[in-house]
Amino acid sequence: MILAAIRDVAIALLAIESIVIGVLLAILLVQVRRLVRMLREEVAPLLEQANDTASTVQGTVNLVSHTVVKPLVRVSSAAAGVRQATRSLLAIKRRAKGA
């Protein structure tokens, strides 16, 4: 008799536990669905904007490289060549005078 009552209480507790687990699982599924929706609607546009910004920065770098850096390197190279040529000519004159 007591064993039967304990059995009935255990069955009732297991049934309640199963219902609670089912409800919690349903809540979990709803939360996962909300997370997926948020990732699609909010994070994807942010990543797209970051990609657009990176493309803009790359374009700016290319523009600065072509309009500022390359001409500056050319001028600097030419100046170094002229300076070296002048040194060479002055060295030849000094040798000619000294010899």
PDB file of N, CA and C in Angstrom:
ATOM      1  N   MET A   1       0.804  -1.175   0.000  1.00  0.00           N
ATOM      2  CA  MET A   1       0.000   0.000   0.000  1.00  0.00           C
ATOM      3  C   MET A   1       0.863   1.260   0.000  1.00  0.00           C
ATOM      4  N   ILE A   2       1.839   1.324   0.883  1.00  0.00           N
ATOM      5  CA  ILE A   2       2.722   2.476   0.956  1.00  0.00           C
ATOM      6  C   ILE A   2       3.574   2.528  -0.315  1.00  0.00           C
ATOM      7  N   LEU A   3       3.996   1.355  -0.769  1.00  0.00           N
ATOM      8  CA  LEU A   3       4.789   1.286  -1.977  1.00  0.00           C
ATOM      9  C   LEU A   3       3.997   1.799  -3.184  1.00  0.00           C
ATOM     10  N   ALA A   4       2.754   1.495  -3.233  1.00  0.00           N
ATOM     11  CA  ALA A   4       1.891   1.954  -4.327  1.00  0.00           C
ATOM     12  C   ALA A   4       1.738   3.474  -4.268  1.00  0.00           C
ATOM     13  N   ALA A   5       1.637   4.038  -3.078  1.00  0.00           N
ATOM     14  CA  ALA A   5       1.497   5.484  -2.935  1.00  0.00           C
ATOM     15  C   ALA A   5       2.784   6.186  -3.352  1.00  0.00           C
ATOM     16  N   ILE A   6       3.920   5.624  -2.975  1.00  0.00           N
ATOM     17  CA  ILE A   6       5.214   6.202  -3.360  1.00  0.00           C
ATOM     18  C   ILE A   6       5.364   6.144  -4.880  1.00  0.00           C
ATOM     19  N   ARG A   7       4.950   4.999  -5.447  1.00  0.00           N
ATOM     20  CA  ARG A   7       5.017   4.849  -6.894  1.00  0.00           C
ATOM     21  C   ARG A   7       4.158   5.905  -7.592  1.00  0.00           C
ATOM     22  N   ASP A   8       2.957   6.137  -7.108  1.00  0.00           N
ATOM     23  CA  ASP A   8       2.049   7.114  -7.708  1.00  0.00           C
ATOM     24  C   ASP A   8       2.628   8.535  -7.598  1.00  0.00           C
ATOM     25  N   VAL A   9       3.216   8.846  -6.455  1.00  0.00           N
ATOM     26  CA  VAL A   9       3.828  10.165  -6.271  1.00  0.00           C
ATOM     27  C   VAL A   9       5.016  10.320  -7.216  1.00  0.00           C
ATOM     28  N   ALA A  10       5.826   9.269  -7.363  1.00  0.00           N
ATOM     29  CA  ALA A  10       6.991   9.320  -8.258  1.00  0.00           C
ATOM     30  C   ALA A  10       6.536   9.519  -9.702  1.00  0.00           C
ATOM     31  N   ILE A  11       5.500   8.826 -10.114  1.00  0.00           N
ATOM     32  CA  ILE A  11       4.974   8.976 -11.473  1.00  0.00           C
ATOM     33  C   ILE A  11       4.468  10.405 -11.684  1.00  0.00           C
ATOM     34  N   ALA A  12       3.792  10.949 -10.696  1.00  0.00           N
ATOM     35  CA  ALA A  12       3.287  12.324 -10.806  1.00  0.00           C
ATOM     36  C   ALA A  12       4.440  13.322 -10.889  1.00  0.00           C
ATOM     37  N   LEU A  13       5.484  13.138 -10.073  1.00  0.00           N
ATOM     38  CA  LEU A  13       6.641  14.021 -10.112  1.00  0.00           C
ATOM     39  C   LEU A  13       7.351  13.935 -11.462  1.00  0.00           C
ATOM     40  N   LEU A  14       7.501  12.736 -12.014  1.00  0.00           N
ATOM     41  CA  LEU A  14       8.132  12.574 -13.320  1.00  0.00           C
ATOM     42  C   LEU A  14       7.300  13.237 -14.415  1.00  0.00           C
ATOM     43  N   ALA A  15       5.994  13.152 -14.317  1.00  0.00           N
ATOM     44  CA  ALA A  15       5.124  13.790 -15.302  1.00  0.00           C
ATOM     45  C   ALA A  15       5.266  15.313 -15.229  1.00  0.00           C
ATOM     46  N   ILE A  16       5.297  15.861 -14.021  1.00  0.00           N
ATOM     47  CA  ILE A  16       5.466  17.310 -13.850  1.00  0.00           C
ATOM     48  C   ILE A  16       6.836  17.742 -14.368  1.00  0.00           C
ATOM     49  N   GLU A  17       7.851  16.948 -14.063  1.00  0.00           N
ATOM     50  CA  GLU A  17       9.195  17.257 -14.535  1.00  0.00           C
ATOM     51  C   GLU A  17       9.253  17.242 -16.061  1.00  0.00           C
ATOM     52  N   SER A  18       8.610  16.285 -16.681  1.00  0.00           N
ATOM     53  CA  SER A  18       8.579  16.211 -18.143  1.00  0.00           C
ATOM     54  C   SER A  18       7.883  17.429 -18.730  1.00  0.00           C
ATOM     55  N   ILE A  19       6.815  17.883 -18.112  1.00  0.00           N
ATOM     56  CA  ILE A  19       6.105  19.074 -18.590  1.00  0.00           C
ATOM     57  C   ILE A  19       6.998  20.303 -18.451  1.00  0.00           C
ATOM     58  N   VAL A  20       7.687  20.435 -17.327  1.00  0.00           N
ATOM     59  CA  VAL A  20       8.581  21.580 -17.109  1.00  0.00           C
ATOM     60  C   VAL A  20       9.713  21.566 -18.137  1.00  0.00           C
ATOM     61  N   ILE A  21      10.295  20.396 -18.370  1.00  0.00           N
ATOM     62  CA  ILE A  21      11.373  20.294 -19.357  1.00  0.00           C
ATOM     63  C   ILE A  21      10.849  20.646 -20.740  1.00  0.00           C
ATOM     64  N   GLY A  22       9.662  20.217 -21.089  1.00  0.00           N
ATOM     65  CA  GLY A  22       9.072  20.551 -22.385  1.00  0.00           C
ATOM     66  C   GLY A  22       8.863  22.050 -22.544  1.00  0.00           C
ATOM     67  N   VAL A  23       8.365  22.703 -21.489  1.00  0.00           N
ATOM     68  CA  VAL A  23       8.151  24.149 -21.532  1.00  0.00           C
ATOM     69  C   VAL A  23       9.492  24.872 -21.662  1.00  0.00           C
ATOM     70  N   LEU A  24      10.479  24.460 -20.903  1.00  0.00           N
ATOM     71  CA  LEU A  24      11.804  25.090 -20.996  1.00  0.00           C
ATOM     72  C   LEU A  24      12.431  24.881 -22.370  1.00  0.00           C
ATOM     73  N   LEU A  25      12.225  23.720 -22.964  1.00  0.00           N
ATOM     74  CA  LEU A  25      12.733  23.461 -24.305  1.00  0.00           C
ATOM     75  C   LEU A  25      12.057  24.363 -25.329  1.00  0.00           C
ATOM     76  N   ALA A  26      10.760  24.570 -25.184  1.00  0.00           N
ATOM     77  CA  ALA A  26      10.036  25.469 -26.083  1.00  0.00           C
ATOM     78  C   ALA A  26      10.553  26.898 -25.941  1.00  0.00           C
ATOM     79  N   ILE A  27      10.804  27.340 -24.715  1.00  0.00           N
ATOM     80  CA  ILE A  27      11.355  28.685 -24.486  1.00  0.00           C
ATOM     81  C   ILE A  27      12.740  28.796 -25.112  1.00  0.00           C
ATOM     82  N   LEU A  28      13.530  27.757 -24.966  1.00  0.00           N
ATOM     83  CA  LEU A  28      14.863  27.751 -25.553  1.00  0.00           C
ATOM     84  C   LEU A  28      14.791  27.866 -27.075  1.00  0.00           C
ATOM     85  N   LEU A  29      13.889  27.141 -27.696  1.00  0.00           N
ATOM     86  CA  LEU A  29      13.737  27.217 -29.148  1.00  0.00           C
ATOM     87  C   LEU A  29      13.323  28.620 -29.591  1.00  0.00           C
ATOM     88  N   VAL A  30      12.430  29.256 -28.843  1.00  0.00           N
ATOM     89  CA  VAL A  30      12.011  30.622 -29.176  1.00  0.00           C
ATOM     90  C   VAL A  30      13.194  31.575 -29.059  1.00  0.00           C
ATOM     91  N   GLN A  31      13.999  31.415 -28.038  1.00  0.00           N
ATOM     92  CA  GLN A  31      15.158  32.286 -27.854  1.00  0.00           C
ATOM     93  C   GLN A  31      16.185  32.085 -28.979  1.00  0.00           C
ATOM     94  N   VAL A  32      16.394  30.854 -29.387  1.00  0.00           N
ATOM     95  CA  VAL A  32      17.318  30.580 -30.486  1.00  0.00           C
ATOM     96  C   VAL A  32      16.798  31.211 -31.775  1.00  0.00           C
ATOM     97  N   ARG A  33      15.500  31.130 -31.990  1.00  0.00           N
ATOM     98  CA  ARG A  33      14.900  31.743 -33.180  1.00  0.00           C
ATOM     99  C   ARG A  33      15.094  33.263 -33.159  1.00  0.00           C
ATOM    100  N   ARG A  34      14.910  33.883 -31.998  1.00  0.00           N
ATOM    101  CA  ARG A  34      15.125  35.327 -31.872  1.00  0.00           C
ATOM    102  C   ARG A  34      16.592  35.691 -32.149  1.00  0.00           C
ATOM    103  N   LEU A  35      17.493  34.861 -31.654  1.00  0.00           N
ATOM    104  CA  LEU A  35      18.917  35.106 -31.874  1.00  0.00           C
ATOM    105  C   LEU A  35      19.254  35.036 -33.357  1.00  0.00           C
ATOM    106  N   VAL A  36      18.736  34.041 -34.035  1.00  0.00           N
ATOM    107  CA  VAL A  36      18.999  33.904 -35.462  1.00  0.00           C
ATOM    108  C   VAL A  36      18.434  35.104 -36.218  1.00  0.00           C
ATOM    109  N   ARG A  37      17.246  35.541 -35.861  1.00  0.00           N
ATOM    110  CA  ARG A  37      16.640  36.701 -36.510  1.00  0.00           C
ATOM    111  C   ARG A  37      17.484  37.952 -36.268  1.00  0.00           C
ATOM    112  N   MET A  38      17.961  38.115 -35.037  1.00  0.00           N
ATOM    113  CA  MET A  38      18.785  39.279 -34.718  1.00  0.00           C
ATOM    114  C   MET A  38      20.083  39.249 -35.530  1.00  0.00           C
ATOM    115  N   LEU A  39      20.686  38.078 -35.655  1.00  0.00           N
ATOM    116  CA  LEU A  39      21.920  37.967 -36.430  1.00  0.00           C
ATOM    117  C   LEU A  39      21.679  38.344 -37.883  1.00  0.00           C
ATOM    118  N   ARG A  40      20.554  37.935 -38.428  1.00  0.00           N
ATOM    119  CA  ARG A  40      20.250  38.266 -39.824  1.00  0.00           C
ATOM    120  C   ARG A  40      19.967  39.747 -39.998  1.00  0.00           C
ATOM    121  N   GLU A  41      19.216  40.329 -39.101  1.00  0.00           N
ATOM    122  CA  GLU A  41      18.733  41.695 -39.277  1.00  0.00           C
ATOM    123  C   GLU A  41      19.704  42.767 -38.781  1.00  0.00           C
ATOM    124  N   GLU A  42      20.529  42.453 -37.811  1.00  0.00           N
ATOM    125  CA  GLU A  42      21.382  43.483 -37.222  1.00  0.00           C
ATOM    126  C   GLU A  42      22.865  43.264 -37.494  1.00  0.00           C
ATOM    127  N   VAL A  43      23.332  42.051 -37.348  1.00  0.00           N
ATOM    128  CA  VAL A  43      24.761  41.813 -37.477  1.00  0.00           C
ATOM    129  C   VAL A  43      25.184  41.799 -38.945  1.00  0.00           C
ATOM    130  N   ALA A  44      24.389  41.212 -39.813  1.00  0.00           N
ATOM    131  CA  ALA A  44      24.749  41.161 -41.233  1.00  0.00           C
ATOM    132  C   ALA A  44      24.904  42.565 -41.835  1.00  0.00           C
ATOM    133  N   PRO A  45      23.980  43.510 -41.580  1.00  0.00           N
ATOM    134  CA  PRO A  45      24.215  44.869 -42.099  1.00  0.00           C
ATOM    135  C   PRO A  45      25.460  45.530 -41.519  1.00  0.00           C
ATOM    136  N   LEU A  46      25.765  45.260 -40.262  1.00  0.00           N
ATOM    137  CA  LEU A  46      26.983  45.823 -39.668  1.00  0.00           C
ATOM    138  C   LEU A  46      28.221  45.293 -40.376  1.00  0.00           C
ATOM    139  N   LEU A  47      28.221  44.009 -40.676  1.00  0.00           N
ATOM    140  CA  LEU A  47      29.351  43.426 -41.391  1.00  0.00           C
ATOM    141  C   LEU A  47      29.455  43.993 -42.804  1.00  0.00           C
ATOM    142  N   GLU A  48      28.322  44.221 -43.430  1.00  0.00           N
ATOM    143  CA  GLU A  48      28.325  44.812 -44.769  1.00  0.00           C
ATOM    144  C   GLU A  48      28.883  46.242 -44.734  1.00  0.00           C
ATOM    145  N   GLN A  49      28.494  47.009 -43.724  1.00  0.00           N
ATOM    146  CA  GLN A  49      29.015  48.368 -43.586  1.00  0.00           C
ATOM    147  C   GLN A  49      30.519  48.346 -43.320  1.00  0.00           C
ATOM    148  N   ALA A  50      30.963  47.406 -42.514  1.00  0.00           N
ATOM    149  CA  ALA A  50      32.404  47.297 -42.245  1.00  0.00           C
ATOM    150  C   ALA A  50      33.158  46.959 -43.532  1.00  0.00           C
ATOM    151  N   ASN A  51      32.581  46.101 -44.349  1.00  0.00           N
ATOM    152  CA  ASN A  51      33.194  45.746 -45.628  1.00  0.00           C
ATOM    153  C   ASN A  51      33.247  46.960 -46.551  1.00  0.00           C
ATOM    154  N   ASP A  52      32.160  47.740 -46.584  1.00  0.00           N
ATOM    155  CA  ASP A  52      32.148  48.960 -47.396  1.00  0.00           C
ATOM    156  C   ASP A  52      33.204  49.956 -46.915  1.00  0.00           C
ATOM    157  N   THR A  53      33.335  50.088 -45.611  1.00  0.00           N
ATOM    158  CA  THR A  53      34.341  50.991 -45.043  1.00  0.00           C
ATOM    159  C   THR A  53      35.752  50.531 -45.416  1.00  0.00           C
ATOM    160  N   ALA A  54      35.984  49.227 -45.346  1.00  0.00           N
ATOM    161  CA  ALA A  54      37.305  48.707 -45.721  1.00  0.00           C
ATOM    162  C   ALA A  54      37.594  48.981 -47.190  1.00  0.00           C
ATOM    163  N   SER A  55      36.585  48.858 -48.036  1.00  0.00           N
ATOM    164  CA  SER A  55      36.777  49.156 -49.462  1.00  0.00           C
ATOM    165  C   SER A  55      37.091  50.633 -49.671  1.00  0.00           C
ATOM    166  N   THR A  56      36.406  51.500 -48.940  1.00  0.00           N
ATOM    167  CA  THR A  56      36.659  52.935 -49.041  1.00  0.00           C
ATOM    168  C   THR A  56      38.082  53.267 -48.595  1.00  0.00           C
ATOM    169  N   VAL A  57      38.503  52.664 -47.505  1.00  0.00           N
ATOM    170  CA  VAL A  57      39.871  52.891 -47.008  1.00  0.00           C
ATOM    171  C   VAL A  57      40.888  52.405 -48.040  1.00  0.00           C
ATOM    172  N   GLN A  58      40.630  51.259 -48.649  1.00  0.00           N
ATOM    173  CA  GLN A  58      41.542  50.741 -49.670  1.00  0.00           C
ATOM    174  C   GLN A  58      41.631  51.703 -50.853  1.00  0.00           C
ATOM    175  N   GLY A  59      40.487  52.255 -51.256  1.00  0.00           N
ATOM    176  CA  GLY A  59      40.489  53.233 -52.340  1.00  0.00           C
ATOM    177  C   GLY A  59      41.265  54.490 -51.973  1.00  0.00           C
ATOM    178  N   THR A  60      41.107  54.942 -50.738  1.00  0.00           N
ATOM    179  CA  THR A  60      41.835  56.119 -50.276  1.00  0.00           C
ATOM    180  C   THR A  60      43.340  55.862 -50.260  1.00  0.00           C
ATOM    181  N   VAL A  61      43.720  54.697 -49.807  1.00  0.00           N
ATOM    182  CA  VAL A  61      45.144  54.339 -49.776  1.00  0.00           C
ATOM    183  C   VAL A  61      45.708  54.326 -51.194  1.00  0.00           C
ATOM    184  N   ASN A  62      44.962  53.746 -52.123  1.00  0.00           N
ATOM    185  CA  ASN A  62      45.430  53.718 -53.513  1.00  0.00           C
ATOM    186  C   ASN A  62      45.559  55.133 -54.074  1.00  0.00           C
ATOM    187  N   LEU A  63      44.579  55.979 -53.797  1.00  0.00           N
ATOM    188  CA  LEU A  63      44.617  57.358 -54.286  1.00  0.00           C
ATOM    189  C   LEU A  63      45.826  58.111 -53.737  1.00  0.00           C
ATOM    190  N   VAL A  64      46.037  58.013 -52.441  1.00  0.00           N
ATOM    191  CA  VAL A  64      47.180  58.702 -51.821  1.00  0.00           C
ATOM    192  C   VAL A  64      48.487  58.146 -52.364  1.00  0.00           C
ATOM    193  N   SER A  65      48.539  56.846 -52.568  1.00  0.00           N
ATOM    194  CA  SER A  65      49.752  56.230 -53.098  1.00  0.00           C
ATOM    195  C   SER A  65      50.069  56.759 -54.487  1.00  0.00           C
ATOM    196  N   HIS A  66      49.061  56.857 -55.337  1.00  0.00           N
ATOM    197  CA  HIS A  66      49.294  57.297 -56.713  1.00  0.00           C
ATOM    198  C   HIS A  66      49.529  58.804 -56.818  1.00  0.00           C
ATOM    199  N   THR A  67      48.871  59.592 -55.978  1.00  0.00           N
ATOM    200  CA  THR A  67      48.965  61.048 -56.137  1.00  0.00           C
ATOM    201  C   THR A  67      50.042  61.689 -55.273  1.00  0.00           C
ATOM    202  N   VAL A  68      50.447  61.054 -54.197  1.00  0.00           N
ATOM    203  CA  VAL A  68      51.417  61.668 -53.290  1.00  0.00           C
ATOM    204  C   VAL A  68      52.714  60.874 -53.231  1.00  0.00           C
ATOM    205  N   VAL A  69      52.606  59.598 -52.948  1.00  0.00           N
ATOM    206  CA  VAL A  69      53.810  58.817 -52.658  1.00  0.00           C
ATOM    207  C   VAL A  69      54.656  58.601 -53.906  1.00  0.00           C
ATOM    208  N   LYS A  70      54.042  58.168 -55.006  1.00  0.00           N
ATOM    209  CA  LYS A  70      54.837  57.901 -56.211  1.00  0.00           C
ATOM    210  C   LYS A  70      55.552  59.149 -56.724  1.00  0.00           C
ATOM    211  N   PRO A  71      54.879  60.301 -56.845  1.00  0.00           N
ATOM    212  CA  PRO A  71      55.615  61.496 -57.280  1.00  0.00           C
ATOM    213  C   PRO A  71      56.725  61.891 -56.307  1.00  0.00           C
ATOM    214  N   LEU A  72      56.464  61.731 -55.018  1.00  0.00           N
ATOM    215  CA  LEU A  72      57.482  62.069 -54.023  1.00  0.00           C
ATOM    216  C   LEU A  72      58.692  61.156 -54.150  1.00  0.00           C
ATOM    217  N   VAL A  73      58.462  59.893 -54.416  1.00  0.00           N
ATOM    218  CA  VAL A  73      59.570  58.954 -54.601  1.00  0.00           C
ATOM    219  C   VAL A  73      60.356  59.305 -55.854  1.00  0.00           C
ATOM    220  N   ARG A  74      59.647  59.665 -56.918  1.00  0.00           N
ATOM    221  CA  ARG A  74      60.336  60.057 -58.156  1.00  0.00           C
ATOM    222  C   ARG A  74      61.215  61.289 -57.940  1.00  0.00           C
ATOM    223  N   VAL A  75      60.667  62.299 -57.289  1.00  0.00           N
ATOM    224  CA  VAL A  75      61.440  63.521 -57.026  1.00  0.00           C
ATOM    225  C   VAL A  75      62.628  63.217 -56.124  1.00  0.00           C
ATOM    226  N   SER A  76      62.400  62.428 -55.114  1.00  0.00           N
ATOM    227  CA  SER A  76      63.480  62.080 -54.196  1.00  0.00           C
ATOM    228  C   SER A  76      64.566  61.283 -54.918  1.00  0.00           C
ATOM    229  N   SER A  77      64.156  60.370 -55.787  1.00  0.00           N
ATOM    230  CA  SER A  77      65.136  59.585 -56.544  1.00  0.00           C
ATOM    231  C   SER A  77      65.939  60.476 -57.481  1.00  0.00           C
ATOM    232  N   ALA A  78      65.245  61.383 -58.151  1.00  0.00           N
ATOM    233  CA  ALA A  78      65.952  62.293 -59.055  1.00  0.00           C
ATOM    234  C   ALA A  78      66.928  63.167 -58.280  1.00  0.00           C
ATOM    235  N   ALA A  79      66.513  63.669 -57.124  1.00  0.00           N
ATOM    236  CA  ALA A  79      67.394  64.507 -56.304  1.00  0.00           C
ATOM    237  C   ALA A  79      68.613  63.716 -55.843  1.00  0.00           C
ATOM    238  N   ALA A  80      68.396  62.467 -55.468  1.00  0.00           N
ATOM    239  CA  ALA A  80      69.532  61.644 -55.042  1.00  0.00           C
ATOM    240  C   ALA A  80      70.480  61.404 -56.206  1.00  0.00           C
ATOM    241  N   GLY A  81      69.925  61.207 -57.406  1.00  0.00           N
ATOM    242  CA  GLY A  81      70.776  61.014 -58.579  1.00  0.00           C
ATOM    243  C   GLY A  81      71.588  62.239 -58.896  1.00  0.00           C
ATOM    244  N   VAL A  82      70.947  63.406 -58.840  1.00  0.00           N
ATOM    245  CA  VAL A  82      71.652  64.663 -59.101  1.00  0.00           C
ATOM    246  C   VAL A  82      72.733  64.884 -58.055  1.00  0.00           C
ATOM    247  N   ARG A  83      72.417  64.623 -56.811  1.00  0.00           N
ATOM    248  CA  ARG A  83      73.388  64.806 -55.731  1.00  0.00           C
ATOM    249  C   ARG A  83      74.593  63.883 -55.930  1.00  0.00           C
ATOM    250  N   GLN A  84      74.342  62.635 -56.307  1.00  0.00           N
ATOM    251  CA  GLN A  84      75.443  61.694 -56.510  1.00  0.00           C
ATOM    252  C   GLN A  84      76.269  62.079 -57.732  1.00  0.00           C
ATOM    253  N   ALA A  85      75.587  62.532 -58.788  1.00  0.00           N
ATOM    254  CA  ALA A  85      76.319  62.959 -59.986  1.00  0.00           C
ATOM    255  C   ALA A  85      77.206  64.164 -59.666  1.00  0.00           C
ATOM    256  N   THR A  86      76.672  65.096 -58.888  1.00  0.00           N
ATOM    257  CA  THR A  86      77.445  66.280 -58.491  1.00  0.00           C
ATOM    258  C   THR A  86      78.656  65.869 -57.662  1.00  0.00           C
ATOM    259  N   ARG A  87      78.477  64.963 -56.747  1.00  0.00           N
ATOM    260  CA  ARG A  87      79.615  64.491 -55.935  1.00  0.00           C
ATOM    261  C   ARG A  87      80.678  63.840 -56.812  1.00  0.00           C
ATOM    262  N   SER A  88      80.204  63.047 -57.769  1.00  0.00           N
ATOM    263  CA  SER A  88      81.163  62.367 -58.657  1.00  0.00           C
ATOM    264  C   SER A  88      81.935  63.370 -59.491  1.00  0.00           C
ATOM    265  N   LEU A  89      81.233  64.366 -60.032  1.00  0.00           N
ATOM    266  CA  LEU A  89      81.912  65.380 -60.835  1.00  0.00           C
ATOM    267  C   LEU A  89      82.895  66.186 -60.002  1.00  0.00           C
ATOM    268  N   LEU A  90      82.477  66.549 -58.787  1.00  0.00           N
ATOM    269  CA  LEU A  90      83.391  67.304 -57.918  1.00  0.00           C
ATOM    270  C   LEU A  90      84.592  66.467 -57.531  1.00  0.00           C
ATOM    271  N   ALA A  91      84.414  65.181 -57.344  1.00  0.00           N
ATOM    272  CA  ALA A  91      85.542  64.313 -57.007  1.00  0.00           C
ATOM    273  C   ALA A  91      86.495  64.206 -58.169  1.00  0.00           C
ATOM    274  N   ILE A  92      85.971  64.170 -59.387  1.00  0.00           N
ATOM    275  CA  ILE A  92      86.835  64.072 -60.580  1.00  0.00           C
ATOM    276  C   ILE A  92      87.630  65.382 -60.720  1.00  0.00           C
ATOM    277  N   LYS A  93      86.995  66.545 -60.491  1.00  0.00           N
ATOM    278  CA  LYS A  93      87.691  67.822 -60.577  1.00  0.00           C
ATOM    279  C   LYS A  93      88.805  67.915 -59.542  1.00  0.00           C
ATOM    280  N   ARG A  94      88.514  67.438 -58.344  1.00  0.00           N
ATOM    281  CA  ARG A  94      89.533  67.494 -57.283  1.00  0.00           C
ATOM    282  C   ARG A  94      90.728  66.616 -57.649  1.00  0.00           C
ATOM    283  N   ARG A  95      90.460  65.471 -58.231  1.00  0.00           N
ATOM    284  CA  ARG A  95      91.551  64.582 -58.610  1.00  0.00           C
ATOM    285  C   ARG A  95      92.376  65.203 -59.751  1.00  0.00           C
ATOM    286  N   ALA A  96      91.662  65.867 -60.648  1.00  0.00           N
ATOM    287  CA  ALA A  96      92.366  66.479 -61.782  1.00  0.00           C
ATOM    288  C   ALA A  96      93.258  67.613 -61.299  1.00  0.00           C
ATOM    289  N   LYS A  97      92.769  68.408 -60.337  1.00  0.00           N
ATOM    290  CA  LYS A  97      93.576  69.500 -59.793  1.00  0.00           C
ATOM    291  C   LYS A  97      94.761  68.975 -59.001  1.00  0.00           C
ATOM    292  N   GLY A  98      94.526  67.910 -58.245  1.00  0.00           N
ATOM    293  CA  GLY A  98      95.566  67.382 -57.391  1.00  0.00           C
ATOM    294  C   GLY A  98      96.623  66.604 -58.160  1.00  0.00           C
ATOM    295  N   ALA A  99      96.288  66.105 -59.313  1.00  0.00           N
ATOM    296  CA  ALA A  99      97.228  65.284 -60.059  1.00  0.00           C
ATOM    297  C   ALA A  99      98.102  66.073 -60.943  1.00  0.00           C
TER     298      ALA A  99
END
